[in-house]
Each structure stands twice: as C-alpha cells, then as structure tokens.
Amino acid sequence: MRGGYRGIPKPKLPPHLKRVHVNARIQKWMLDELKKQGEVGIVLEYILEKKAGFKYQSEIQNKN
C-alpha cells in the first residue's frame, strides 16, 4: 500500500468560519514578537478582535 489519505475526512467548515490568506509587510522584529506569543495568525486575530475593537460577525454580508 502506498501513500494516500487514511482515516475519516474532516467536516467542512461553514463559510463564515473559514480563514483567508492575507499578505502584509511588517518588520522582522514584529514578526519575531508575534511568533514568541504563538501562532501568528491566531495572535493577530486576537489582537484585532480584543484590542483593536473589531467585532465578530456571525454572517458574511456580500455586497454584489
């Protein structure tokens, strides 16, 4: 038997819980500090939500 997926696949997340990739240029020392605190994406999410005043939205509002 070679490679391939073994096990039960993870259930798909609802659209409002999916994360998107964002490219941002920050200074190296800032990135080092974020890495010391944990996973960069989760730390940034915490900072934006708790300290910068962003509110969690349960539904995505599309403007088409």
PDB file of N, CA and C in Angstrom:
ATOM      1  N   MET A   1       0.849  -1.167   0.000  1.00  0.00           N
ATOM      2  CA  MET A   1       0.000   0.000   0.000  1.00  0.00           C
ATOM      3  C   MET A   1       0.900   1.238   0.000  1.00  0.00           C
ATOM      4  N   ARG A   2       0.561   2.219  -0.816  1.00  0.00           N
ATOM      5  CA  ARG A   2       1.346   3.444  -0.907  1.00  0.00           C
ATOM      6  C   ARG A   2       0.513   4.665  -0.556  1.00  0.00           C
ATOM      7  N   GLY A   3       1.142   5.622   0.084  1.00  0.00           N
ATOM      8  CA  GLY A   3       0.573   6.949   0.336  1.00  0.00           C
ATOM      9  C   GLY A   3      -0.924   7.019   0.373  1.00  0.00           C
ATOM     10  N   GLY A   4      -1.432   8.181   0.056  1.00  0.00           N
ATOM     11  CA  GLY A   4      -2.877   8.360   0.024  1.00  0.00           C
ATOM     12  C   GLY A   4      -3.429   8.742   1.382  1.00  0.00           C
ATOM     13  N   TYR A   5      -4.675   9.126   1.408  1.00  0.00           N
ATOM     14  CA  TYR A   5      -5.328   9.557   2.634  1.00  0.00           C
ATOM     15  C   TYR A   5      -5.825   8.359   3.416  1.00  0.00           C
ATOM     16  N   ARG A   6      -5.585   8.385   4.707  1.00  0.00           N
ATOM     17  CA  ARG A   6      -6.061   7.326   5.599  1.00  0.00           C
ATOM     18  C   ARG A   6      -6.889   7.959   6.703  1.00  0.00           C
ATOM     19  N   GLY A   7      -8.060   7.447   6.921  1.00  0.00           N
ATOM     20  CA  GLY A   7      -8.878   7.963   8.002  1.00  0.00           C
ATOM     21  C   GLY A   7     -10.128   8.672   7.513  1.00  0.00           C
ATOM     22  N   ILE A   8     -10.819   9.254   8.454  1.00  0.00           N
ATOM     23  CA  ILE A   8     -12.074   9.930   8.160  1.00  0.00           C
ATOM     24  C   ILE A   8     -11.772  11.391   7.824  1.00  0.00           C
ATOM     25  N   PRO A   9     -12.299  11.911   6.721  1.00  0.00           N
ATOM     26  CA  PRO A   9     -12.048  13.314   6.381  1.00  0.00           C
ATOM     27  C   PRO A   9     -12.706  14.267   7.379  1.00  0.00           C
ATOM     28  N   LYS A  10     -12.086  15.425   7.592  1.00  0.00           N
ATOM     29  CA  LYS A  10     -12.639  16.425   8.491  1.00  0.00           C
ATOM     30  C   LYS A  10     -13.898  17.022   7.870  1.00  0.00           C
ATOM     31  N   PRO A  11     -14.883  17.347   8.692  1.00  0.00           N
ATOM     32  CA  PRO A  11     -16.076  18.003   8.143  1.00  0.00           C
ATOM     33  C   PRO A  11     -15.717  19.411   7.660  1.00  0.00           C
ATOM     34  N   LYS A  12     -16.395  19.871   6.617  1.00  0.00           N
ATOM     35  CA  LYS A  12     -16.125  21.197   6.058  1.00  0.00           C
ATOM     36  C   LYS A  12     -16.668  22.267   6.995  1.00  0.00           C
ATOM     37  N   LEU A  13     -15.925  23.372   7.098  1.00  0.00           N
ATOM     38  CA  LEU A  13     -16.347  24.490   7.929  1.00  0.00           C
ATOM     39  C   LEU A  13     -17.395  25.326   7.219  1.00  0.00           C
ATOM     40  N   PRO A  14     -18.286  25.950   7.994  1.00  0.00           N
ATOM     41  CA  PRO A  14     -19.217  26.889   7.367  1.00  0.00           C
ATOM     42  C   PRO A  14     -18.429  28.081   6.800  1.00  0.00           C
ATOM     43  N   PRO A  15     -18.956  28.735   5.770  1.00  0.00           N
ATOM     44  CA  PRO A  15     -18.208  29.822   5.118  1.00  0.00           C
ATOM     45  C   PRO A  15     -17.762  30.936   6.061  1.00  0.00           C
ATOM     46  N   HIS A  16     -18.556  31.258   7.085  1.00  0.00           N
ATOM     47  CA  HIS A  16     -18.191  32.370   7.960  1.00  0.00           C
ATOM     48  C   HIS A  16     -17.062  32.008   8.932  1.00  0.00           C
ATOM     49  N   LEU A  17     -16.676  30.748   9.009  1.00  0.00           N
ATOM     50  CA  LEU A  17     -15.580  30.347   9.881  1.00  0.00           C
ATOM     51  C   LEU A  17     -14.279  30.097   9.125  1.00  0.00           C
ATOM     52  N   LYS A  18     -14.313  30.157   7.813  1.00  0.00           N
ATOM     53  CA  LYS A  18     -13.112  29.915   7.029  1.00  0.00           C
ATOM     54  C   LYS A  18     -12.194  31.131   7.089  1.00  0.00           C
ATOM     55  N   ARG A  19     -10.919  30.869   7.103  1.00  0.00           N
ATOM     56  CA  ARG A  19      -9.936  31.937   7.119  1.00  0.00           C
ATOM     57  C   ARG A  19      -9.416  32.176   5.715  1.00  0.00           C
ATOM     58  N   VAL A  20      -8.973  33.389   5.476  1.00  0.00           N
ATOM     59  CA  VAL A  20      -8.389  33.742   4.187  1.00  0.00           C
ATOM     60  C   VAL A  20      -6.947  34.181   4.415  1.00  0.00           C
ATOM     61  N   HIS A  21      -6.098  33.966   3.411  1.00  0.00           N
ATOM     62  CA  HIS A  21      -4.711  34.378   3.498  1.00  0.00           C
ATOM     63  C   HIS A  21      -4.609  35.865   3.184  1.00  0.00           C
ATOM     64  N   VAL A  22      -3.795  36.561   3.964  1.00  0.00           N
ATOM     65  CA  VAL A  22      -3.572  37.985   3.755  1.00  0.00           C
ATOM     66  C   VAL A  22      -2.071  38.219   3.784  1.00  0.00           C
ATOM     67  N   ASN A  23      -1.572  38.881   2.758  1.00  0.00           N
ATOM     68  CA  ASN A  23      -0.158  39.238   2.731  1.00  0.00           C
ATOM     69  C   ASN A  23       0.005  40.622   3.327  1.00  0.00           C
ATOM     70  N   ALA A  24       0.943  40.750   4.245  1.00  0.00           N
ATOM     71  CA  ALA A  24       1.217  42.053   4.852  1.00  0.00           C
ATOM     72  C   ALA A  24       2.715  42.166   5.089  1.00  0.00           C
ATOM     73  N   ARG A  25       3.225  43.333   4.850  1.00  0.00           N
ATOM     74  CA  ARG A  25       4.646  43.578   5.119  1.00  0.00           C
ATOM     75  C   ARG A  25       4.776  44.177   6.511  1.00  0.00           C
ATOM     76  N   ILE A  26       5.475  43.470   7.377  1.00  0.00           N
ATOM     77  CA  ILE A  26       5.766  44.001   8.694  1.00  0.00           C
ATOM     78  C   ILE A  26       7.253  43.815   8.961  1.00  0.00           C
ATOM     79  N   GLN A  27       7.759  44.569   9.902  1.00  0.00           N
ATOM     80  CA  GLN A  27       9.178  44.484  10.199  1.00  0.00           C
ATOM     81  C   GLN A  27       9.500  43.152  10.861  1.00  0.00           C
ATOM     82  N   LYS A  28      10.734  42.704  10.683  1.00  0.00           N
ATOM     83  CA  LYS A  28      11.142  41.391  11.182  1.00  0.00           C
ATOM     84  C   LYS A  28      10.971  41.274  12.684  1.00  0.00           C
ATOM     85  N   TRP A  29      11.301  42.320  13.430  1.00  0.00           N
ATOM     86  CA  TRP A  29      11.188  42.237  14.878  1.00  0.00           C
ATOM     87  C   TRP A  29       9.732  42.060  15.307  1.00  0.00           C
ATOM     88  N   MET A  30       8.781  42.642  14.541  1.00  0.00           N
ATOM     89  CA  MET A  30       7.366  42.457  14.857  1.00  0.00           C
ATOM     90  C   MET A  30       6.958  41.010  14.657  1.00  0.00           C
ATOM     91  N   LEU A  31       7.409  40.427  13.556  1.00  0.00           N
ATOM     92  CA  LEU A  31       7.108  39.025  13.281  1.00  0.00           C
ATOM     93  C   LEU A  31       7.702  38.126  14.351  1.00  0.00           C
ATOM     94  N   ASP A  32       8.928  38.417  14.786  1.00  0.00           N
ATOM     95  CA  ASP A  32       9.561  37.627  15.837  1.00  0.00           C
ATOM     96  C   ASP A  32       8.756  37.695  17.139  1.00  0.00           C
ATOM     97  N   GLU A  33       8.260  38.891  17.476  1.00  0.00           N
ATOM     98  CA  GLU A  33       7.449  39.043  18.686  1.00  0.00           C
ATOM     99  C   GLU A  33       6.134  38.266  18.583  1.00  0.00           C
ATOM    100  N   LEU A  34       5.507  38.311  17.395  1.00  0.00           N
ATOM    101  CA  LEU A  34       4.263  37.559  17.203  1.00  0.00           C
ATOM    102  C   LEU A  34       4.502  36.064  17.340  1.00  0.00           C
ATOM    103  N   LYS A  35       5.615  35.574  16.783  1.00  0.00           N
ATOM    104  CA  LYS A  35       5.925  34.145  16.864  1.00  0.00           C
ATOM    105  C   LYS A  35       6.186  33.713  18.295  1.00  0.00           C
ATOM    106  N   LYS A  36       6.755  34.593  19.124  1.00  0.00           N
ATOM    107  CA  LYS A  36       7.002  34.269  20.534  1.00  0.00           C
ATOM    108  C   LYS A  36       5.693  34.051  21.285  1.00  0.00           C
ATOM    109  N   GLN A  37       4.636  34.757  20.850  1.00  0.00           N
ATOM    110  CA  GLN A  37       3.345  34.671  21.538  1.00  0.00           C
ATOM    111  C   GLN A  37       2.509  33.482  21.088  1.00  0.00           C
ATOM    112  N   GLY A  38       2.864  32.850  19.985  1.00  0.00           N
ATOM    113  CA  GLY A  38       2.105  31.708  19.495  1.00  0.00           C
ATOM    114  C   GLY A  38       2.017  31.731  17.985  1.00  0.00           C
ATOM    115  N   GLU A  39       1.001  31.054  17.451  1.00  0.00           N
ATOM    116  CA  GLU A  39       0.808  31.029  16.004  1.00  0.00           C
ATOM    117  C   GLU A  39       0.403  32.421  15.526  1.00  0.00           C
ATOM    118  N   VAL A  40       1.107  32.933  14.540  1.00  0.00           N
ATOM    119  CA  VAL A  40       0.977  34.321  14.103  1.00  0.00           C
ATOM    120  C   VAL A  40      -0.465  34.677  13.736  1.00  0.00           C
ATOM    121  N   GLY A  41      -1.120  33.847  12.938  1.00  0.00           N
ATOM    122  CA  GLY A  41      -2.483  34.149  12.505  1.00  0.00           C
ATOM    123  C   GLY A  41      -3.457  34.249  13.662  1.00  0.00           C
ATOM    124  N   ILE A  42      -3.326  33.363  14.637  1.00  0.00           N
ATOM    125  CA  ILE A  42      -4.236  33.372  15.780  1.00  0.00           C
ATOM    126  C   ILE A  42      -3.951  34.566  16.681  1.00  0.00           C
ATOM    127  N   VAL A  43      -2.680  34.906  16.855  1.00  0.00           N
ATOM    128  CA  VAL A  43      -2.318  36.070  17.666  1.00  0.00           C
ATOM    129  C   VAL A  43      -2.857  37.347  17.020  1.00  0.00           C
ATOM    130  N   LEU A  44      -2.686  37.484  15.699  1.00  0.00           N
ATOM    131  CA  LEU A  44      -3.205  38.663  15.008  1.00  0.00           C
ATOM    132  C   LEU A  44      -4.729  38.736  15.106  1.00  0.00           C
ATOM    133  N   GLU A  45      -5.390  37.599  14.981  1.00  0.00           N
ATOM    134  CA  GLU A  45      -6.846  37.567  15.098  1.00  0.00           C
ATOM    135  C   GLU A  45      -7.283  38.046  16.481  1.00  0.00           C
ATOM    136  N   TYR A  46      -6.570  37.607  17.510  1.00  0.00           N
ATOM    137  CA  TYR A  46      -6.878  38.025  18.882  1.00  0.00           C
ATOM    138  C   TYR A  46      -6.683  39.538  19.038  1.00  0.00           C
ATOM    139  N   ILE A  47      -5.563  40.046  18.519  1.00  0.00           N
ATOM    140  CA  ILE A  47      -5.270  41.472  18.635  1.00  0.00           C
ATOM    141  C   ILE A  47      -6.344  42.303  17.938  1.00  0.00           C
ATOM    142  N   LEU A  48      -6.731  41.900  16.745  1.00  0.00           N
ATOM    143  CA  LEU A  48      -7.746  42.651  16.001  1.00  0.00           C
ATOM    144  C   LEU A  48      -9.101  42.620  16.707  1.00  0.00           C
ATOM    145  N   GLU A  49      -9.437  41.478  17.280  1.00  0.00           N
ATOM    146  CA  GLU A  49     -10.746  41.351  17.910  1.00  0.00           C
ATOM    147  C   GLU A  49     -10.788  42.015  19.283  1.00  0.00           C
ATOM    148  N   LYS A  50      -9.817  41.737  20.122  1.00  0.00           N
ATOM    149  CA  LYS A  50      -9.863  42.203  21.515  1.00  0.00           C
ATOM    150  C   LYS A  50      -9.302  43.608  21.714  1.00  0.00           C
ATOM    151  N   LYS A  51      -8.222  43.934  21.034  1.00  0.00           N
ATOM    152  CA  LYS A  51      -7.543  45.194  21.308  1.00  0.00           C
ATOM    153  C   LYS A  51      -7.854  46.291  20.301  1.00  0.00           C
ATOM    154  N   ALA A  52      -8.145  45.938  19.057  1.00  0.00           N
ATOM    155  CA  ALA A  52      -8.404  46.948  18.034  1.00  0.00           C
ATOM    156  C   ALA A  52      -9.892  47.231  17.863  1.00  0.00           C
ATOM    157  N   GLY A  53     -10.734  46.476  18.557  1.00  0.00           N
ATOM    158  CA  GLY A  53     -12.160  46.766  18.543  1.00  0.00           C
ATOM    159  C   GLY A  53     -12.948  46.172  17.390  1.00  0.00           C
ATOM    160  N   PHE A  54     -12.357  45.239  16.644  1.00  0.00           N
ATOM    161  CA  PHE A  54     -13.114  44.583  15.577  1.00  0.00           C
ATOM    162  C   PHE A  54     -14.177  43.701  16.211  1.00  0.00           C
ATOM    163  N   LYS A  55     -15.344  43.675  15.619  1.00  0.00           N
ATOM    164  CA  LYS A  55     -16.447  42.854  16.123  1.00  0.00           C
ATOM    165  C   LYS A  55     -16.588  41.610  15.263  1.00  0.00           C
ATOM    166  N   TYR A  56     -16.816  40.469  15.910  1.00  0.00           N
ATOM    167  CA  TYR A  56     -17.046  39.220  15.185  1.00  0.00           C
ATOM    168  C   TYR A  56     -18.420  39.277  14.541  1.00  0.00           C
ATOM    169  N   GLN A  57     -18.491  38.923  13.264  1.00  0.00           N
ATOM    170  CA  GLN A  57     -19.764  38.894  12.555  1.00  0.00           C
ATOM    171  C   GLN A  57     -20.117  37.447  12.275  1.00  0.00           C
ATOM    172  N   SER A  58     -21.307  37.032  12.712  1.00  0.00           N
ATOM    173  CA  SER A  58     -21.704  35.648  12.548  1.00  0.00           C
ATOM    174  C   SER A  58     -22.036  35.298  11.099  1.00  0.00           C
ATOM    175  N   GLU A  59     -22.410  36.273  10.301  1.00  0.00           N
ATOM    176  CA  GLU A  59     -22.730  36.017   8.902  1.00  0.00           C
ATOM    177  C   GLU A  59     -21.929  36.962   8.018  1.00  0.00           C
ATOM    178  N   ILE A  60     -21.475  36.444   6.897  1.00  0.00           N
ATOM    179  CA  ILE A  60     -20.757  37.282   5.933  1.00  0.00           C
ATOM    180  C   ILE A  60     -21.801  38.007   5.089  1.00  0.00           C
ATOM    181  N   GLN A  61     -21.622  39.309   4.967  1.00  0.00           N
ATOM    182  CA  GLN A  61     -22.547  40.097   4.171  1.00  0.00           C
ATOM    183  C   GLN A  61     -21.893  40.395   2.834  1.00  0.00           C
ATOM    184  N   ASN A  62     -22.417  39.808   1.779  1.00  0.00           N
ATOM    185  CA  ASN A  62     -21.865  40.030   0.430  1.00  0.00           C
ATOM    186  C   ASN A  62     -22.529  41.249  -0.186  1.00  0.00           C
ATOM    187  N   LYS A  63     -21.696  42.099  -0.761  1.00  0.00           N
ATOM    188  CA  LYS A  63     -22.206  43.274  -1.475  1.00  0.00           C
ATOM    189  C   LYS A  63     -22.013  43.059  -2.963  1.00  0.00           C
ATOM    190  N   ASN A  64     -22.988  42.474  -3.610  1.00  0.00           N
ATOM    191  CA  ASN A  64     -22.900  42.218  -5.053  1.00  0.00           C
ATOM    192  C   ASN A  64     -23.809  43.124  -5.804  1.00  0.00           C
TER     193      ASN A  64
END
